[in-house]
Amino acid sequence: MDNRNYPEAGFPGGGEKLSKERRKKLGVNDDEDEYDLEFALENNTDPLITKIIAGSFILVVIALLVAGVVLPTITDYGEGVCNPIKNAGRC
């Protein structure tokens, strides 16, 4: 795929190239045709999507903790079933 047709993506064929100051800071030579990844990420990252992904991850971690730790401690499995969480691992 030829990225020169997509200048908004920050590729060398168009869009934002590295400035001289940024090239010096990153140690990129003048003859190297590079794009600024930080610039591309800032322009192409939607904060709403990031918040949705982070929120989903938090919900999954909480659900796994509830299913793996909380429910087994409060569930009564009946007579004769060993529940190591309640009796410190001894059955």
PDB file of N, CA and C in Angstrom:
ATOM      1  N   MET A   1       0.845  -1.176   0.000  1.00  0.00           N
ATOM      2  CA  MET A   1       0.000   0.000   0.000  1.00  0.00           C
ATOM      3  C   MET A   1       0.893   1.243   0.000  1.00  0.00           C
ATOM      4  N   ASP A   2       0.583   2.156  -0.845  1.00  0.00           N
ATOM      5  CA  ASP A   2       1.362   3.383  -0.959  1.00  0.00           C
ATOM      6  C   ASP A   2       0.795   4.420  -0.002  1.00  0.00           C
ATOM      7  N   ASN A   3       1.561   4.766   1.034  1.00  0.00           N
ATOM      8  CA  ASN A   3       1.078   5.671   2.068  1.00  0.00           C
ATOM      9  C   ASN A   3       1.116   7.132   1.654  1.00  0.00           C
ATOM     10  N   ARG A   4       1.689   7.430   0.490  1.00  0.00           N
ATOM     11  CA  ARG A   4       1.762   8.819   0.055  1.00  0.00           C
ATOM     12  C   ARG A   4       0.381   9.377  -0.267  1.00  0.00           C
ATOM     13  N   ASN A   5      -0.597   8.508  -0.449  1.00  0.00           N
ATOM     14  CA  ASN A   5      -1.949   8.962  -0.748  1.00  0.00           C
ATOM     15  C   ASN A   5      -2.716   9.356   0.507  1.00  0.00           C
ATOM     16  N   TYR A   6      -2.108   9.161   1.663  1.00  0.00           N
ATOM     17  CA  TYR A   6      -2.788   9.445   2.922  1.00  0.00           C
ATOM     18  C   TYR A   6      -1.989  10.449   3.736  1.00  0.00           C
ATOM     19  N   PRO A   7      -1.994  11.724   3.364  1.00  0.00           N
ATOM     20  CA  PRO A   7      -1.170  12.703   4.081  1.00  0.00           C
ATOM     21  C   PRO A   7      -1.608  12.913   5.512  1.00  0.00           C
ATOM     22  N   GLU A   8      -2.872  12.646   5.827  1.00  0.00           N
ATOM     23  CA  GLU A   8      -3.344  12.879   7.192  1.00  0.00           C
ATOM     24  C   GLU A   8      -2.759  11.870   8.172  1.00  0.00           C
ATOM     25  N   ALA A   9      -2.201  10.764   7.679  1.00  0.00           N
ATOM     26  CA  ALA A   9      -1.655   9.738   8.556  1.00  0.00           C
ATOM     27  C   ALA A   9      -0.266  10.090   9.077  1.00  0.00           C
ATOM     28  N   GLY A  10       0.333  11.157   8.578  1.00  0.00           N
ATOM     29  CA  GLY A  10       1.645  11.563   9.054  1.00  0.00           C
ATOM     30  C   GLY A  10       2.773  10.825   8.373  1.00  0.00           C
ATOM     31  N   PHE A  11       2.553  10.308   7.176  1.00  0.00           N
ATOM     32  CA  PHE A  11       3.585   9.572   6.454  1.00  0.00           C
ATOM     33  C   PHE A  11       4.437  10.535   5.641  1.00  0.00           C
ATOM     34  N   PRO A  12       5.639  10.107   5.241  1.00  0.00           N
ATOM     35  CA  PRO A  12       6.577  10.991   4.577  1.00  0.00           C
ATOM     36  C   PRO A  12       6.101  11.569   3.252  1.00  0.00           C
ATOM     37  N   GLY A  13       5.204  10.939   2.553  1.00  0.00           N
ATOM     38  CA  GLY A  13       4.755  11.442   1.265  1.00  0.00           C
ATOM     39  C   GLY A  13       3.903  12.683   1.403  1.00  0.00           C
ATOM     40  N   GLY A  14       3.498  13.006   2.554  1.00  0.00           N
ATOM     41  CA  GLY A  14       2.658  14.162   2.826  1.00  0.00           C
ATOM     42  C   GLY A  14       2.467  14.245   4.321  1.00  0.00           C
ATOM     43  N   GLY A  15       1.668  15.151   4.751  1.00  0.00           N
ATOM     44  CA  GLY A  15       1.427  15.247   6.179  1.00  0.00           C
ATOM     45  C   GLY A  15       2.585  15.891   6.909  1.00  0.00           C
ATOM     46  N   GLU A  16       2.785  15.531   8.145  1.00  0.00           N
ATOM     47  CA  GLU A  16       3.747  16.195   9.022  1.00  0.00           C
ATOM     48  C   GLU A  16       5.055  15.430   9.081  1.00  0.00           C
ATOM     49  N   LYS A  17       6.123  16.061   8.618  1.00  0.00           N
ATOM     50  CA  LYS A  17       7.454  15.481   8.748  1.00  0.00           C
ATOM     51  C   LYS A  17       8.096  16.019  10.011  1.00  0.00           C
ATOM     52  N   LEU A  18       9.216  15.442  10.340  1.00  0.00           N
ATOM     53  CA  LEU A  18       9.930  15.884  11.535  1.00  0.00           C
ATOM     54  C   LEU A  18      10.562  17.257  11.292  1.00  0.00           C
ATOM     55  N   SER A  19      10.413  18.129  12.267  1.00  0.00           N
ATOM     56  CA  SER A  19      11.080  19.424  12.178  1.00  0.00           C
ATOM     57  C   SER A  19      12.568  19.239  12.478  1.00  0.00           C
ATOM     58  N   LYS A  20      13.364  20.254  12.162  1.00  0.00           N
ATOM     59  CA  LYS A  20      14.813  20.154  12.400  1.00  0.00           C
ATOM     60  C   LYS A  20      15.112  19.987  13.889  1.00  0.00           C
ATOM     61  N   GLU A  21      14.355  20.694  14.720  1.00  0.00           N
ATOM     62  CA  GLU A  21      14.558  20.588  16.167  1.00  0.00           C
ATOM     63  C   GLU A  21      14.218  19.182  16.657  1.00  0.00           C
ATOM     64  N   ARG A  22      13.113  18.642  16.147  1.00  0.00           N
ATOM     65  CA  ARG A  22      12.683  17.297  16.549  1.00  0.00           C
ATOM     66  C   ARG A  22      13.658  16.233  16.024  1.00  0.00           C
ATOM     67  N   ARG A  23      14.180  16.422  14.792  1.00  0.00           N
ATOM     68  CA  ARG A  23      15.161  15.494  14.239  1.00  0.00           C
ATOM     69  C   ARG A  23      16.414  15.444  15.124  1.00  0.00           C
ATOM     70  N   LYS A  24      16.861  16.632  15.587  1.00  0.00           N
ATOM     71  CA  LYS A  24      18.049  16.693  16.436  1.00  0.00           C
ATOM     72  C   LYS A  24      17.778  16.003  17.775  1.00  0.00           C
ATOM     73  N   LYS A  25      16.597  16.223  18.320  1.00  0.00           N
ATOM     74  CA  LYS A  25      16.251  15.625  19.610  1.00  0.00           C
ATOM     75  C   LYS A  25      16.202  14.098  19.522  1.00  0.00           C
ATOM     76  N   LEU A  26      15.650  13.567  18.417  1.00  0.00           N
ATOM     77  CA  LEU A  26      15.510  12.121  18.258  1.00  0.00           C
ATOM     78  C   LEU A  26      16.733  11.469  17.638  1.00  0.00           C
ATOM     79  N   GLY A  27      17.653  12.256  17.101  1.00  0.00           N
ATOM     80  CA  GLY A  27      18.854  11.707  16.483  1.00  0.00           C
ATOM     81  C   GLY A  27      18.619  11.154  15.091  1.00  0.00           C
ATOM     82  N   VAL A  28      17.681  11.737  14.348  1.00  0.00           N
ATOM     83  CA  VAL A  28      17.375  11.299  12.992  1.00  0.00           C
ATOM     84  C   VAL A  28      18.176  12.156  12.022  1.00  0.00           C
ATOM     85  N   ASN A  29      18.841  11.520  11.055  1.00  0.00           N
ATOM     86  CA  ASN A  29      19.619  12.247  10.059  1.00  0.00           C
ATOM     87  C   ASN A  29      18.700  12.997   9.103  1.00  0.00           C
ATOM     88  N   ASP A  30      19.247  14.045   8.465  1.00  0.00           N
ATOM     89  CA  ASP A  30      18.457  14.853   7.535  1.00  0.00           C
ATOM     90  C   ASP A  30      18.057  14.080   6.289  1.00  0.00           C
ATOM     91  N   ASP A  31      18.868  13.088   5.889  1.00  0.00           N
ATOM     92  CA  ASP A  31      18.557  12.345   4.673  1.00  0.00           C
ATOM     93  C   ASP A  31      17.543  11.228   4.908  1.00  0.00           C
ATOM     94  N   GLU A  32      17.210  10.937   6.146  1.00  0.00           N
ATOM     95  CA  GLU A  32      16.227   9.895   6.449  1.00  0.00           C
ATOM     96  C   GLU A  32      14.829  10.493   6.339  1.00  0.00           C
ATOM     97  N   ASP A  33      13.970   9.769   5.651  1.00  0.00           N
ATOM     98  CA  ASP A  33      12.593  10.216   5.455  1.00  0.00           C
ATOM     99  C   ASP A  33      11.706   9.513   6.476  1.00  0.00           C
ATOM    100  N   GLU A  34      11.480  10.132   7.593  1.00  0.00           N
ATOM    101  CA  GLU A  34      10.712   9.547   8.682  1.00  0.00           C
ATOM    102  C   GLU A  34       9.499  10.420   8.986  1.00  0.00           C
ATOM    103  N   TYR A  35       8.512   9.816   9.625  1.00  0.00           N
ATOM    104  CA  TYR A  35       7.378  10.603  10.095  1.00  0.00           C
ATOM    105  C   TYR A  35       7.407  10.647  11.614  1.00  0.00           C
ATOM    106  N   ASP A  36       6.752  11.629  12.166  1.00  0.00           N
ATOM    107  CA  ASP A  36       6.744  11.841  13.605  1.00  0.00           C
ATOM    108  C   ASP A  36       5.626  11.008  14.219  1.00  0.00           C
ATOM    109  N   LEU A  37       5.981   9.925  14.887  1.00  0.00           N
ATOM    110  CA  LEU A  37       4.992   9.021  15.467  1.00  0.00           C
ATOM    111  C   LEU A  37       4.169   9.711  16.556  1.00  0.00           C
ATOM    112  N   GLU A  38       4.821  10.535  17.355  1.00  0.00           N
ATOM    113  CA  GLU A  38       4.095  11.241  18.417  1.00  0.00           C
ATOM    114  C   GLU A  38       3.007  12.135  17.825  1.00  0.00           C
ATOM    115  N   PHE A  39       3.345  12.841  16.744  1.00  0.00           N
ATOM    116  CA  PHE A  39       2.371  13.692  16.069  1.00  0.00           C
ATOM    117  C   PHE A  39       1.223  12.857  15.509  1.00  0.00           C
ATOM    118  N   ALA A  40       1.556  11.731  14.891  1.00  0.00           N
ATOM    119  CA  ALA A  40       0.525  10.865  14.308  1.00  0.00           C
ATOM    120  C   ALA A  40      -0.401  10.303  15.389  1.00  0.00           C
ATOM    121  N   LEU A  41       0.164   9.903  16.514  1.00  0.00           N
ATOM    122  CA  LEU A  41      -0.660   9.355  17.591  1.00  0.00           C
ATOM    123  C   LEU A  41      -1.575  10.417  18.196  1.00  0.00           C
ATOM    124  N   GLU A  42      -1.055  11.628  18.348  1.00  0.00           N
ATOM    125  CA  GLU A  42      -1.878  12.702  18.900  1.00  0.00           C
ATOM    126  C   GLU A  42      -3.054  13.014  17.985  1.00  0.00           C
ATOM    127  N   ASN A  43      -2.840  12.955  16.686  1.00  0.00           N
ATOM    128  CA  ASN A  43      -3.902  13.286  15.741  1.00  0.00           C
ATOM    129  C   ASN A  43      -4.864  12.146  15.491  1.00  0.00           C
ATOM    130  N   ASN A  44      -4.454  10.914  15.745  1.00  0.00           N
ATOM    131  CA  ASN A  44      -5.289   9.767  15.406  1.00  0.00           C
ATOM    132  C   ASN A  44      -5.818   9.011  16.609  1.00  0.00           C
ATOM    133  N   THR A  45      -5.625   9.506  17.809  1.00  0.00           N
ATOM    134  CA  THR A  45      -6.117   8.826  18.996  1.00  0.00           C
ATOM    135  C   THR A  45      -7.325   9.575  19.525  1.00  0.00           C
ATOM    136  N   ASP A  46      -8.424   8.875  19.587  1.00  0.00           N
ATOM    137  CA  ASP A  46      -9.660   9.453  20.093  1.00  0.00           C
ATOM    138  C   ASP A  46      -9.749   9.175  21.592  1.00  0.00           C
ATOM    139  N   PRO A  47      -9.820  10.196  22.441  1.00  0.00           N
ATOM    140  CA  PRO A  47      -9.850   9.957  23.888  1.00  0.00           C
ATOM    141  C   PRO A  47     -11.075   9.164  24.331  1.00  0.00           C
ATOM    142  N   LEU A  48     -12.181   9.280  23.607  1.00  0.00           N
ATOM    143  CA  LEU A  48     -13.390   8.534  23.982  1.00  0.00           C
ATOM    144  C   LEU A  48     -13.152   7.039  23.836  1.00  0.00           C
ATOM    145  N   ILE A  49     -12.514   6.624  22.753  1.00  0.00           N
ATOM    146  CA  ILE A  49     -12.246   5.199  22.549  1.00  0.00           C
ATOM    147  C   ILE A  49     -11.305   4.689  23.637  1.00  0.00           C
ATOM    148  N   THR A  50     -10.309   5.470  23.980  1.00  0.00           N
ATOM    149  CA  THR A  50      -9.376   5.076  25.029  1.00  0.00           C
ATOM    150  C   THR A  50     -10.102   4.904  26.362  1.00  0.00           C
ATOM    151  N   LYS A  51     -11.011   5.803  26.677  1.00  0.00           N
ATOM    152  CA  LYS A  51     -11.769   5.702  27.921  1.00  0.00           C
ATOM    153  C   LYS A  51     -12.696   4.498  27.913  1.00  0.00           C
ATOM    154  N   ILE A  52     -13.293   4.185  26.774  1.00  0.00           N
ATOM    155  CA  ILE A  52     -14.173   3.020  26.680  1.00  0.00           C
ATOM    156  C   ILE A  52     -13.375   1.734  26.891  1.00  0.00           C
ATOM    157  N   ILE A  53     -12.196   1.643  26.269  1.00  0.00           N
ATOM    158  CA  ILE A  53     -11.352   0.455  26.431  1.00  0.00           C
ATOM    159  C   ILE A  53     -10.888   0.310  27.873  1.00  0.00           C
ATOM    160  N   ALA A  54     -10.471   1.408  28.493  1.00  0.00           N
ATOM    161  CA  ALA A  54     -10.017   1.357  29.887  1.00  0.00           C
ATOM    162  C   ALA A  54     -11.165   0.974  30.817  1.00  0.00           C
ATOM    163  N   GLY A  55     -12.345   1.537  30.590  1.00  0.00           N
ATOM    164  CA  GLY A  55     -13.505   1.197  31.408  1.00  0.00           C
ATOM    165  C   GLY A  55     -13.902  -0.259  31.260  1.00  0.00           C
ATOM    166  N   SER A  56     -13.841  -0.775  30.047  1.00  0.00           N
ATOM    167  CA  SER A  56     -14.159  -2.182  29.810  1.00  0.00           C
ATOM    168  C   SER A  56     -13.171  -3.087  30.529  1.00  0.00           C
ATOM    169  N   PHE A  57     -11.897  -2.718  30.490  1.00  0.00           N
ATOM    170  CA  PHE A  57     -10.882  -3.516  31.182  1.00  0.00           C
ATOM    171  C   PHE A  57     -11.139  -3.535  32.689  1.00  0.00           C
ATOM    172  N   ILE A  58     -11.489  -2.394  33.254  1.00  0.00           N
ATOM    173  CA  ILE A  58     -11.773  -2.329  34.692  1.00  0.00           C
ATOM    174  C   ILE A  58     -12.968  -3.212  35.040  1.00  0.00           C
ATOM    175  N   LEU A  59     -14.011  -3.164  34.229  1.00  0.00           N
ATOM    176  CA  LEU A  59     -15.186  -4.006  34.486  1.00  0.00           C
ATOM    177  C   LEU A  59     -14.852  -5.489  34.397  1.00  0.00           C
ATOM    178  N   VAL A  60     -14.031  -5.882  33.444  1.00  0.00           N
ATOM    179  CA  VAL A  60     -13.650  -7.285  33.299  1.00  0.00           C
ATOM    180  C   VAL A  60     -12.848  -7.746  34.509  1.00  0.00           C
ATOM    181  N   VAL A  61     -11.919  -6.921  34.981  1.00  0.00           N
ATOM    182  CA  VAL A  61     -11.111  -7.294  36.152  1.00  0.00           C
ATOM    183  C   VAL A  61     -12.003  -7.445  37.384  1.00  0.00           C
ATOM    184  N   ILE A  62     -12.937  -6.541  37.573  1.00  0.00           N
ATOM    185  CA  ILE A  62     -13.858  -6.635  38.716  1.00  0.00           C
ATOM    186  C   ILE A  62     -14.720  -7.882  38.611  1.00  0.00           C
ATOM    187  N   ALA A  63     -15.237  -8.167  37.409  1.00  0.00           N
ATOM    188  CA  ALA A  63     -16.068  -9.362  37.218  1.00  0.00           C
ATOM    189  C   ALA A  63     -15.277 -10.636  37.495  1.00  0.00           C
ATOM    190  N   LEU A  64     -14.026 -10.691  37.063  1.00  0.00           N
ATOM    191  CA  LEU A  64     -13.207 -11.874  37.323  1.00  0.00           C
ATOM    192  C   LEU A  64     -12.906 -12.034  38.817  1.00  0.00           C
ATOM    193  N   LEU A  65     -12.674 -10.924  39.509  1.00  0.00           N
ATOM    194  CA  LEU A  65     -12.461 -11.009  40.957  1.00  0.00           C
ATOM    195  C   LEU A  65     -13.711 -11.502  41.682  1.00  0.00           C
ATOM    196  N   VAL A  66     -14.859 -11.017  41.274  1.00  0.00           N
ATOM    197  CA  VAL A  66     -16.109 -11.458  41.896  1.00  0.00           C
ATOM    198  C   VAL A  66     -16.324 -12.939  41.638  1.00  0.00           C
ATOM    199  N   ALA A  67     -16.157 -13.375  40.391  1.00  0.00           N
ATOM    200  CA  ALA A  67     -16.398 -14.773  40.050  1.00  0.00           C
ATOM    201  C   ALA A  67     -15.345 -15.705  40.651  1.00  0.00           C
ATOM    202  N   GLY A  68     -14.114 -15.244  40.809  1.00  0.00           N
ATOM    203  CA  GLY A  68     -13.058 -16.124  41.288  1.00  0.00           C
ATOM    204  C   GLY A  68     -12.803 -16.092  42.773  1.00  0.00           C
ATOM    205  N   VAL A  69     -13.174 -14.987  43.446  1.00  0.00           N
ATOM    206  CA  VAL A  69     -12.860 -14.861  44.872  1.00  0.00           C
ATOM    207  C   VAL A  69     -14.122 -14.704  45.719  1.00  0.00           C
ATOM    208  N   VAL A  70     -14.975 -13.775  45.367  1.00  0.00           N
ATOM    209  CA  VAL A  70     -16.126 -13.456  46.218  1.00  0.00           C
ATOM    210  C   VAL A  70     -17.165 -14.573  46.206  1.00  0.00           C
ATOM    211  N   LEU A  71     -17.581 -14.996  45.049  1.00  0.00           N
ATOM    212  CA  LEU A  71     -18.610 -16.035  44.978  1.00  0.00           C
ATOM    213  C   LEU A  71     -18.197 -17.349  45.636  1.00  0.00           C
ATOM    214  N   PRO A  72     -16.986 -17.843  45.441  1.00  0.00           N
ATOM    215  CA  PRO A  72     -16.615 -19.084  46.134  1.00  0.00           C
ATOM    216  C   PRO A  72     -16.585 -18.955  47.658  1.00  0.00           C
ATOM    217  N   THR A  73     -16.335 -17.759  48.181  1.00  0.00           N
ATOM    218  CA  THR A  73     -16.298 -17.626  49.644  1.00  0.00           C
ATOM    219  C   THR A  73     -17.683 -17.585  50.251  1.00  0.00           C
ATOM    220  N   ILE A  74     -18.670 -17.110  49.530  1.00  0.00           N
ATOM    221  CA  ILE A  74     -20.017 -17.000  50.104  1.00  0.00           C
ATOM    222  C   ILE A  74     -20.946 -18.129  49.672  1.00  0.00           C
ATOM    223  N   THR A  75     -20.462 -19.011  48.813  1.00  0.00           N
ATOM    224  CA  THR A  75     -21.302 -20.105  48.336  1.00  0.00           C
ATOM    225  C   THR A  75     -21.205 -21.287  49.284  1.00  0.00           C
ATOM    226  N   ASP A  76     -22.362 -21.826  49.661  1.00  0.00           N
ATOM    227  CA  ASP A  76     -22.401 -23.025  50.495  1.00  0.00           C
ATOM    228  C   ASP A  76     -22.599 -24.212  49.561  1.00  0.00           C
ATOM    229  N   TYR A  77     -21.565 -25.066  49.474  1.00  0.00           N
ATOM    230  CA  TYR A  77     -21.620 -26.193  48.544  1.00  0.00           C
ATOM    231  C   TYR A  77     -22.305 -27.405  49.151  1.00  0.00           C
ATOM    232  N   GLY A  78     -22.702 -27.332  50.372  1.00  0.00           N
ATOM    233  CA  GLY A  78     -23.393 -28.458  51.007  1.00  0.00           C
ATOM    234  C   GLY A  78     -22.453 -29.247  51.907  1.00  0.00           C
ATOM    235  N   GLU A  79     -23.005 -30.265  52.530  1.00  0.00           N
ATOM    236  CA  GLU A  79     -22.258 -31.085  53.477  1.00  0.00           C
ATOM    237  C   GLU A  79     -21.272 -31.991  52.743  1.00  0.00           C
ATOM    238  N   GLY A  80     -20.046 -32.051  53.244  1.00  0.00           N
ATOM    239  CA  GLY A  80     -19.045 -32.954  52.700  1.00  0.00           C
ATOM    240  C   GLY A  80     -18.228 -32.395  51.551  1.00  0.00           C
ATOM    241  N   VAL A  81     -18.483 -31.157  51.134  1.00  0.00           N
ATOM    242  CA  VAL A  81     -17.713 -30.558  50.046  1.00  0.00           C
ATOM    243  C   VAL A  81     -16.658 -29.642  50.660  1.00  0.00           C
ATOM    244  N   CYS A  82     -15.422 -29.850  50.276  1.00  0.00           N
ATOM    245  CA  CYS A  82     -14.321 -29.058  50.818  1.00  0.00           C
ATOM    246  C   CYS A  82     -14.299 -27.678  50.170  1.00  0.00           C
ATOM    247  N   ASN A  83     -14.222 -26.652  51.001  1.00  0.00           N
ATOM    248  CA  ASN A  83     -14.094 -25.276  50.521  1.00  0.00           C
ATOM    249  C   ASN A  83     -12.831 -24.694  51.142  1.00  0.00           C
ATOM    250  N   PRO A  84     -11.682 -24.784  50.427  1.00  0.00           N
ATOM    251  CA  PRO A  84     -10.413 -24.380  51.015  1.00  0.00           C
ATOM    252  C   PRO A  84     -10.317 -22.900  51.370  1.00  0.00           C
ATOM    253  N   ILE A  85     -11.119 -22.053  50.760  1.00  0.00           N
ATOM    254  CA  ILE A  85     -11.056 -20.638  51.086  1.00  0.00           C
ATOM    255  C   ILE A  85     -11.560 -20.392  52.511  1.00  0.00           C
ATOM    256  N   LYS A  86     -12.577 -21.127  52.928  1.00  0.00           N
ATOM    257  CA  LYS A  86     -13.158 -20.911  54.256  1.00  0.00           C
ATOM    258  C   LYS A  86     -12.354 -21.558  55.377  1.00  0.00           C
ATOM    259  N   ASN A  87     -11.636 -22.646  55.106  1.00  0.00           N
ATOM    260  CA  ASN A  87     -10.949 -23.348  56.184  1.00  0.00           C
ATOM    261  C   ASN A  87      -9.426 -23.373  55.994  1.00  0.00           C
ATOM    262  N   ALA A  88      -8.874 -22.314  55.433  1.00  0.00           N
ATOM    263  CA  ALA A  88      -7.423 -22.107  55.297  1.00  0.00           C
ATOM    264  C   ALA A  88      -6.717 -23.250  54.574  1.00  0.00           C
ATOM    265  N   GLY A  89      -7.359 -23.850  53.603  1.00  0.00           N
ATOM    266  CA  GLY A  89      -6.731 -24.866  52.772  1.00  0.00           C
ATOM    267  C   GLY A  89      -6.768 -26.273  53.325  1.00  0.00           C
ATOM    268  N   ARG A  90      -7.325 -26.450  54.528  1.00  0.00           N
ATOM    269  CA  ARG A  90      -7.414 -27.792  55.109  1.00  0.00           C
ATOM    270  C   ARG A  90      -8.825 -28.316  54.911  1.00  0.00           C
ATOM    271  N   CYS A  91      -8.902 -29.540  54.444  1.00  0.00           N
ATOM    272  CA  CYS A  91     -10.210 -30.156  54.236  1.00  0.00           C
ATOM    273  C   CYS A  91     -10.427 -31.300  55.166  1.00  0.00           C
TER     274      CYS A  91
END
